[in-house]
N, C-alpha and C. Protein backbone atom coordinates (compact mmCIF):
# COMPACT_ATOMS: atom_id res chain seq x y z
N UNK A 1 -13.67 -14.78 -15.75
CA UNK A 1 -15.01 -14.69 -15.41
C UNK A 1 -14.92 -14.81 -13.62
N UNK A 2 -14.14 -15.55 -13.42
CA UNK A 2 -14.06 -16.07 -12.07
C UNK A 2 -13.09 -14.85 -11.38
N UNK A 3 -12.07 -14.68 -11.85
CA UNK A 3 -11.32 -13.56 -11.56
C UNK A 3 -12.07 -12.23 -11.16
N UNK A 4 -13.15 -11.82 -11.91
CA UNK A 4 -13.86 -10.89 -11.80
C UNK A 4 -14.68 -10.97 -10.51
N UNK A 5 -15.13 -12.34 -10.30
CA UNK A 5 -15.95 -12.46 -9.19
C UNK A 5 -15.02 -12.13 -7.62
N UNK A 6 -14.16 -12.72 -7.95
CA UNK A 6 -12.81 -12.64 -6.76
C UNK A 6 -12.78 -11.46 -6.59
N UNK A 7 -12.33 -10.59 -7.68
CA UNK A 7 -11.84 -9.11 -7.10
C UNK A 7 -13.26 -8.26 -6.80
N UNK A 8 -14.37 -8.44 -7.17
CA UNK A 8 -15.64 -7.91 -6.68
C UNK A 8 -15.64 -8.13 -5.08
N UNK A 9 -15.55 -9.55 -4.69
CA UNK A 9 -15.73 -9.89 -3.42
C UNK A 9 -14.77 -9.28 -2.85
N UNK A 10 -13.58 -9.26 -3.18
CA UNK A 10 -12.49 -8.40 -2.24
C UNK A 10 -12.59 -7.07 -2.31
N UNK A 11 -13.14 -6.54 -3.40
CA UNK A 11 -13.26 -4.92 -3.27
C UNK A 11 -14.60 -5.01 -2.27
N UNK A 12 -15.68 -5.51 -2.20
CA UNK A 12 -16.62 -5.38 -1.24
C UNK A 12 -15.95 -5.63 0.51
N UNK A 13 -15.32 -6.68 0.34
CA UNK A 13 -14.77 -6.76 1.81
C UNK A 13 -14.01 -5.60 2.35
N UNK A 14 -13.06 -5.14 1.27
CA UNK A 14 -12.39 -4.01 1.91
C UNK A 14 -12.98 -2.82 2.16
N UNK A 15 -14.05 -2.60 1.35
CA UNK A 15 -14.95 -1.28 1.48
C UNK A 15 -15.60 -1.46 2.82
N UNK A 16 -16.24 -2.87 3.19
CA UNK A 16 -16.70 -2.83 4.44
C UNK A 16 -15.99 -2.52 5.63
N UNK A 17 -14.67 -2.98 5.41
CA UNK A 17 -13.75 -2.98 6.59
C UNK A 17 -13.19 -1.45 6.66
N UNK A 18 -13.06 -0.72 5.49
CA UNK A 18 -12.85 0.59 5.67
C UNK A 18 -13.93 1.43 6.39
N UNK A 19 -15.28 1.06 5.94
CA UNK A 19 -16.29 1.94 6.58
C UNK A 19 -16.45 1.57 8.06
N UNK A 20 -16.09 0.36 8.49
CA UNK A 20 -16.23 0.01 9.84
C UNK A 20 -15.09 0.45 10.71
N UNK A 21 -13.81 0.83 10.13
CA UNK A 21 -12.59 1.27 10.89
C UNK A 21 -12.73 2.47 11.95
N UNK A 22 -13.63 3.29 11.57
CA UNK A 22 -13.71 4.46 12.40
C UNK A 22 -14.58 3.97 13.85
N UNK A 23 -15.37 2.94 13.61
CA UNK A 23 -16.05 2.50 14.83
C UNK A 23 -15.13 1.88 15.82
N UNK A 24 -14.37 1.14 15.21
CA UNK A 24 -13.15 0.51 16.05
C UNK A 24 -12.47 1.42 16.89
N UNK A 25 -12.33 2.60 15.97
CA UNK A 25 -11.38 3.72 16.90
C UNK A 25 -12.23 4.29 17.58
N UNK A 26 -13.57 4.49 17.78
CA UNK A 26 -14.21 4.98 18.77
C UNK A 26 -14.35 3.88 19.88
N UNK A 27 -14.51 2.73 19.71
CA UNK A 27 -14.64 1.82 20.73
C UNK A 27 -13.25 1.62 21.62
N UNK A 28 -12.31 1.89 20.86
CA UNK A 28 -10.85 1.63 21.32
C UNK A 28 -10.72 2.33 22.90
N UNK A 29 -11.44 3.54 22.96
CA UNK A 29 -11.01 4.23 24.15
C UNK A 29 -12.10 3.71 24.91
N UNK A 30 -13.28 3.29 24.71
CA UNK A 30 -13.93 2.82 25.71
C UNK A 30 -13.74 1.51 26.36
N UNK A 31 -12.80 0.46 25.54
CA UNK A 31 -12.50 -0.45 26.44
C UNK A 31 -11.00 -0.40 26.72
N UNK A 32 -10.56 0.67 26.73
CA UNK A 32 -9.30 1.15 27.24
C UNK A 32 -8.07 0.80 26.58
N UNK A 33 -8.15 0.35 25.47
CA UNK A 33 -7.04 0.24 24.40
C UNK A 33 -6.05 0.95 24.57
N UNK A 34 -6.27 2.44 24.63
CA UNK A 34 -4.78 3.38 24.63
C UNK A 34 -4.09 2.94 26.08
N UNK A 35 -4.78 2.61 26.98
CA UNK A 35 -3.77 2.50 28.48
C UNK A 35 -3.15 1.13 28.09
N UNK A 36 -3.53 0.18 27.45
CA UNK A 36 -2.93 -1.34 27.12
C UNK A 36 -1.73 -0.92 26.18
N UNK A 37 -2.18 -0.12 24.94
CA UNK A 37 -1.02 0.26 24.10
C UNK A 37 0.26 1.21 24.91
N UNK A 38 -0.29 1.92 25.67
CA UNK A 38 0.75 2.73 26.50
C UNK A 38 1.73 1.78 27.32
N UNK A 39 1.05 0.97 28.13
CA UNK A 39 1.93 0.20 28.75
C UNK A 39 2.86 -0.74 28.17
N UNK A 40 2.36 -1.12 26.61
CA UNK A 40 2.93 -2.18 25.85
C UNK A 40 4.28 -1.48 25.22
N UNK A 41 4.23 0.05 25.42
CA UNK A 41 5.38 0.89 24.78
C UNK A 41 4.92 1.31 23.32
N UNK A 42 3.94 0.89 22.96
CA UNK A 42 3.35 1.53 21.70
C UNK A 42 3.32 3.09 21.40
N UNK A 43 3.16 3.70 20.44
CA UNK A 43 3.15 5.03 20.27
C UNK A 43 1.37 5.43 20.13
N UNK A 44 0.90 6.33 20.84
CA UNK A 44 -0.48 6.31 20.88
C UNK A 44 -0.80 7.67 20.45
N UNK A 45 0.31 8.61 20.36
CA UNK A 45 0.09 10.02 20.19
C UNK A 45 0.56 10.41 18.80
N UNK A 46 0.31 9.81 17.93
CA UNK A 46 0.61 10.32 16.44
C UNK A 46 -0.45 11.18 16.00
N UNK A 47 0.36 11.98 15.09
CA UNK A 47 -0.25 13.27 14.42
C UNK A 47 -1.24 12.67 13.27
N UNK A 48 -2.05 13.45 12.59
CA UNK A 48 -2.86 12.99 11.53
C UNK A 48 -1.84 12.88 10.12
N UNK A 49 -0.85 13.38 9.87
CA UNK A 49 -0.03 13.11 8.86
C UNK A 49 0.74 11.92 9.00
N UNK A 50 1.23 11.54 10.30
CA UNK A 50 1.69 10.42 10.44
C UNK A 50 0.52 9.10 10.21
N UNK A 51 -0.51 9.21 10.60
CA UNK A 51 -1.39 8.00 10.53
C UNK A 51 -1.82 8.22 8.94
N UNK A 52 -1.82 9.46 8.35
CA UNK A 52 -2.15 9.22 6.78
C UNK A 52 -1.00 8.56 6.00
N UNK A 53 0.23 9.00 6.57
CA UNK A 53 1.62 8.39 5.82
C UNK A 53 1.35 6.89 6.20
N UNK A 54 1.02 6.47 7.24
CA UNK A 54 1.40 5.11 7.39
C UNK A 54 0.09 4.24 6.57
N UNK A 55 -1.08 4.76 6.47
CA UNK A 55 -1.98 4.14 5.83
C UNK A 55 -1.57 4.18 4.28
N UNK A 56 -1.02 5.46 3.85
CA UNK A 56 -0.65 5.50 2.38
C UNK A 56 0.42 4.49 2.37
N UNK A 57 1.38 4.38 2.81
CA UNK A 57 2.48 3.45 2.79
C UNK A 57 1.93 2.04 2.67
N UNK A 58 0.98 1.62 3.51
CA UNK A 58 0.49 0.26 3.74
C UNK A 58 -0.31 0.08 2.10
N UNK A 59 -1.13 0.95 1.78
CA UNK A 59 -1.88 0.90 0.58
C UNK A 59 -0.81 0.54 -0.68
N UNK A 60 0.10 1.45 -0.76
CA UNK A 60 0.82 1.70 -1.83
C UNK A 60 1.73 0.47 -2.01
N UNK A 61 2.31 0.11 -0.93
CA UNK A 61 2.77 -1.18 -0.56
C UNK A 61 2.24 -2.50 -1.27
N UNK A 62 0.82 -2.51 -0.82
CA UNK A 62 0.10 -3.59 -1.33
C UNK A 62 -0.14 -3.38 -2.91
N UNK A 63 -0.23 -2.30 -3.34
CA UNK A 63 -0.42 -1.97 -4.91
C UNK A 63 0.71 -2.41 -5.53
N UNK A 64 2.07 -2.02 -5.01
CA UNK A 64 3.14 -2.38 -5.49
C UNK A 64 3.51 -3.89 -5.54
N UNK A 65 3.06 -4.67 -4.64
CA UNK A 65 3.20 -6.05 -4.57
C UNK A 65 2.40 -6.67 -5.73
N UNK A 66 1.04 -6.09 -5.84
CA UNK A 66 0.34 -6.52 -7.18
C UNK A 66 1.00 -6.21 -8.06
N UNK A 67 1.46 -5.11 -8.52
CA UNK A 67 2.21 -4.91 -9.66
C UNK A 67 3.58 -5.88 -10.01
N UNK A 68 4.12 -6.19 -8.80
CA UNK A 68 5.07 -7.02 -8.97
C UNK A 68 4.70 -8.71 -9.48
N UNK A 69 3.55 -8.73 -8.93
CA UNK A 69 3.01 -10.23 -9.09
C UNK A 69 2.77 -10.21 -10.53
N UNK A 70 2.07 -8.75 -11.14
CA UNK A 70 1.74 -8.76 -12.32
C UNK A 70 2.85 -8.91 -13.55
N UNK A 71 4.07 -8.51 -13.11
CA UNK A 71 5.22 -8.37 -13.71
C UNK A 71 5.72 -10.01 -13.81
N UNK A 72 5.65 -10.69 -12.68
CA UNK A 72 6.12 -12.06 -12.66
C UNK A 72 5.11 -12.88 -13.64
N UNK A 73 4.01 -12.59 -13.70
CA UNK A 73 3.04 -13.48 -14.26
C UNK A 73 3.42 -13.23 -15.73
N UNK A 74 3.67 -11.97 -16.11
CA UNK A 74 4.12 -11.72 -17.46
C UNK A 74 5.31 -12.36 -18.07
N UNK A 75 6.26 -12.53 -17.02
CA UNK A 75 7.47 -13.30 -17.53
C UNK A 75 7.28 -14.60 -17.60
N UNK A 76 6.45 -15.22 -16.55
CA UNK A 76 6.17 -16.88 -16.50
C UNK A 76 5.39 -17.05 -18.03
N UNK A 77 4.47 -16.16 -18.36
CA UNK A 77 3.83 -16.20 -19.57
C UNK A 77 4.61 -16.31 -20.75
N UNK A 78 5.66 -15.40 -20.84
CA UNK A 78 6.70 -15.31 -21.99
C UNK A 78 7.54 -16.26 -21.82
N UNK A 79 8.03 -16.93 -20.73
CA UNK A 79 8.79 -18.12 -20.63
C UNK A 79 8.09 -19.46 -21.08
N UNK A 80 6.90 -19.33 -20.73
CA UNK A 80 6.04 -20.74 -21.41
C UNK A 80 5.29 -20.43 -22.82
N UNK A 81 5.66 -19.30 -23.45
CA UNK A 81 5.22 -19.17 -24.63
C UNK A 81 5.57 -20.25 -25.89
N UNK A 82 6.70 -20.75 -25.57
CA UNK A 82 6.84 -21.60 -26.60
C UNK A 82 7.27 -21.24 -27.96
N UNK A 83 7.34 -19.71 -28.22
CA UNK A 83 7.95 -19.27 -29.50
C UNK A 83 6.68 -18.70 -30.18
N UNK A 84 5.29 -18.85 -29.56
CA UNK A 84 3.87 -18.53 -29.98
C UNK A 84 4.00 -16.74 -29.93
N UNK A 85 4.11 -16.24 -31.13
CA UNK A 85 4.31 -14.72 -31.04
C UNK A 85 3.16 -14.15 -30.60
N UNK A 86 1.94 -14.60 -30.27
CA UNK A 86 0.77 -14.11 -29.78
C UNK A 86 0.93 -13.89 -28.31
N UNK A 87 1.23 -14.98 -27.83
CA UNK A 87 1.53 -15.28 -26.69
C UNK A 87 2.67 -14.50 -25.97
N UNK A 88 3.53 -14.39 -26.65
CA UNK A 88 4.70 -13.45 -26.20
C UNK A 88 4.49 -11.99 -26.19
N UNK A 89 3.60 -11.50 -27.22
CA UNK A 89 3.31 -10.27 -27.13
C UNK A 89 2.14 -9.83 -26.10
N UNK A 90 1.48 -10.74 -25.72
CA UNK A 90 0.39 -10.90 -24.67
C UNK A 90 1.16 -10.47 -23.29
N UNK A 91 2.09 -11.51 -23.32
CA UNK A 91 2.97 -11.47 -21.88
C UNK A 91 3.85 -10.11 -21.80
N UNK A 92 4.46 -9.63 -22.85
CA UNK A 92 5.16 -8.17 -23.13
C UNK A 92 4.32 -7.35 -22.94
N UNK A 93 3.08 -7.07 -23.16
CA UNK A 93 2.10 -6.37 -22.89
C UNK A 93 1.76 -6.18 -21.36
N UNK A 94 1.66 -7.40 -20.84
CA UNK A 94 1.39 -7.59 -19.29
C UNK A 94 2.46 -6.82 -18.28
N UNK A 95 3.74 -7.40 -18.95
CA UNK A 95 4.91 -6.83 -18.18
C UNK A 95 5.27 -5.30 -18.40
N UNK A 96 4.80 -4.72 -19.25
CA UNK A 96 4.96 -3.61 -19.47
C UNK A 96 3.96 -2.63 -18.36
N UNK A 97 2.68 -3.05 -18.59
CA UNK A 97 1.67 -2.69 -17.77
C UNK A 97 1.92 -2.51 -16.32
N UNK A 98 2.87 -3.73 -16.09
CA UNK A 98 2.85 -4.01 -14.53
C UNK A 98 4.28 -2.98 -14.25
N UNK A 99 4.96 -2.69 -15.04
CA UNK A 99 6.06 -1.80 -14.79
C UNK A 99 5.46 -0.13 -14.74
N UNK A 100 4.61 0.08 -15.65
CA UNK A 100 3.92 1.31 -15.73
C UNK A 100 3.33 1.39 -14.47
N UNK A 101 2.45 0.50 -13.83
CA UNK A 101 1.76 0.57 -12.52
C UNK A 101 2.85 0.83 -11.39
N UNK A 102 3.79 0.28 -11.42
CA UNK A 102 5.13 0.30 -10.47
C UNK A 102 5.36 1.95 -10.47
N UNK A 103 5.61 2.46 -11.63
CA UNK A 103 6.04 3.88 -11.74
C UNK A 103 4.97 4.67 -11.18
N UNK A 104 3.78 4.49 -11.44
CA UNK A 104 2.71 5.11 -10.95
C UNK A 104 2.39 5.02 -9.59
N UNK A 105 2.81 4.14 -8.96
CA UNK A 105 2.70 3.94 -7.51
C UNK A 105 3.81 4.92 -6.89
N UNK A 106 5.10 4.74 -7.14
CA UNK A 106 6.03 5.25 -6.79
C UNK A 106 6.03 7.08 -6.83
N UNK A 107 5.56 7.56 -8.08
CA UNK A 107 5.27 8.66 -7.98
C UNK A 107 4.07 9.47 -7.14
N UNK A 108 3.05 8.47 -7.34
CA UNK A 108 1.89 8.89 -6.34
C UNK A 108 2.29 9.00 -4.81
N UNK A 109 3.10 8.06 -4.48
CA UNK A 109 3.82 8.16 -3.09
C UNK A 109 4.69 9.43 -3.16
N UNK A 110 5.32 9.79 -3.97
CA UNK A 110 6.14 11.14 -3.95
C UNK A 110 5.35 12.35 -3.89
N UNK A 111 4.30 12.25 -4.87
CA UNK A 111 3.47 13.57 -4.76
C UNK A 111 2.85 13.77 -3.61
N UNK A 112 2.23 12.65 -3.00
CA UNK A 112 1.37 12.62 -1.70
C UNK A 112 2.44 13.14 -0.69
N UNK A 113 3.49 12.71 -0.49
CA UNK A 113 4.61 13.10 0.43
C UNK A 113 4.78 14.52 0.36
N UNK A 114 5.20 14.99 -0.68
CA UNK A 114 5.30 16.49 -1.03
C UNK A 114 4.12 17.08 -0.66
N UNK A 115 2.73 16.94 -1.11
CA UNK A 115 1.60 17.93 -0.78
C UNK A 115 1.48 17.73 0.75
N UNK A 116 1.65 16.61 1.38
CA UNK A 116 1.35 16.84 2.81
C UNK A 116 2.54 17.50 3.62
N UNK A 117 3.74 17.54 3.34
CA UNK A 117 4.82 18.05 3.58
C UNK A 117 4.59 19.55 3.55
N UNK A 118 3.86 20.12 2.22
CA UNK A 118 3.85 21.33 2.10
C UNK A 118 2.90 21.81 2.87
N UNK A 119 1.56 21.13 3.16
CA UNK A 119 0.30 21.79 3.54
C UNK A 119 0.63 21.66 5.17
N UNK A 120 1.33 20.50 5.72
CA UNK A 120 1.47 20.56 7.35
C UNK A 120 2.75 20.78 7.67
N UNK A 121 3.71 20.69 6.67
CA UNK A 121 5.08 20.96 7.51
C UNK A 121 5.72 19.93 7.85
N UNK A 122 4.79 18.68 8.09
CA UNK A 122 5.42 17.55 8.77
C UNK A 122 5.75 16.44 7.65
N UNK A 123 6.57 15.58 7.84
CA UNK A 123 6.90 14.64 6.80
C UNK A 123 6.19 13.17 7.09
N UNK A 124 5.73 12.47 6.02
CA UNK A 124 4.73 10.96 6.33
C UNK A 124 5.75 10.16 7.14
N UNK A 125 6.90 10.17 6.82
CA UNK A 125 8.02 9.13 7.28
C UNK A 125 8.30 9.65 8.76
N UNK A 126 8.77 8.85 9.49
CA UNK A 126 9.28 8.95 10.92
C UNK A 126 10.60 9.76 10.67
N UNK A 127 11.03 10.66 11.54
CA UNK A 127 12.34 11.31 11.59
C UNK A 127 13.31 10.32 12.00
N UNK A 128 14.60 9.98 11.34
CA UNK A 128 15.45 9.00 11.63
C UNK A 128 16.45 9.72 12.63
N UNK A 129 16.95 9.14 13.70
CA UNK A 129 18.05 9.66 14.39
C UNK A 129 19.22 9.07 14.09
N UNK A 130 20.33 9.68 14.19
CA UNK A 130 21.50 9.27 13.98
C UNK A 130 22.53 9.36 15.45
N UNK A 131 23.14 8.02 15.49
CA UNK A 131 24.18 8.12 16.62
C UNK A 131 25.37 8.90 16.23
N UNK A 132 25.88 9.85 16.98
CA UNK A 132 27.07 10.15 16.87
C UNK A 132 28.25 9.30 16.88
N UNK A 133 29.26 9.56 15.88
CA UNK A 133 30.58 8.54 15.60
C UNK A 133 31.15 8.54 16.97
N UNK A 134 31.72 7.39 17.54
CA UNK A 134 32.57 7.16 18.82
C UNK A 134 34.08 7.28 18.45
């Protein structure tokens, strides 16, 4: 019951932050944050696919972290089950569900990358530069 309340509050906070994010972007130009970012050497001319890619990477990284924590909790429950078959089965199911979540997260990133690459011709990840051998 307490976990559900924490999840609801977290979801509410996340929703409010995401709804207010565009307002901060509009205010950024008014207060000269672009000039400050430019003078600090930050990249300010990102394309939409690059921004979407960064947001997607961040969200999927957080989801991957949650899935990893679920797997660790399942492993801890298994180790502390003390031979109780019901607890072992519950822990096993938790670990399998966490692993399924990780697989879904990886495939969703691959699919999103492929779709955006097909639609825009641009990659979600920054291009890598290689140095010539000396």
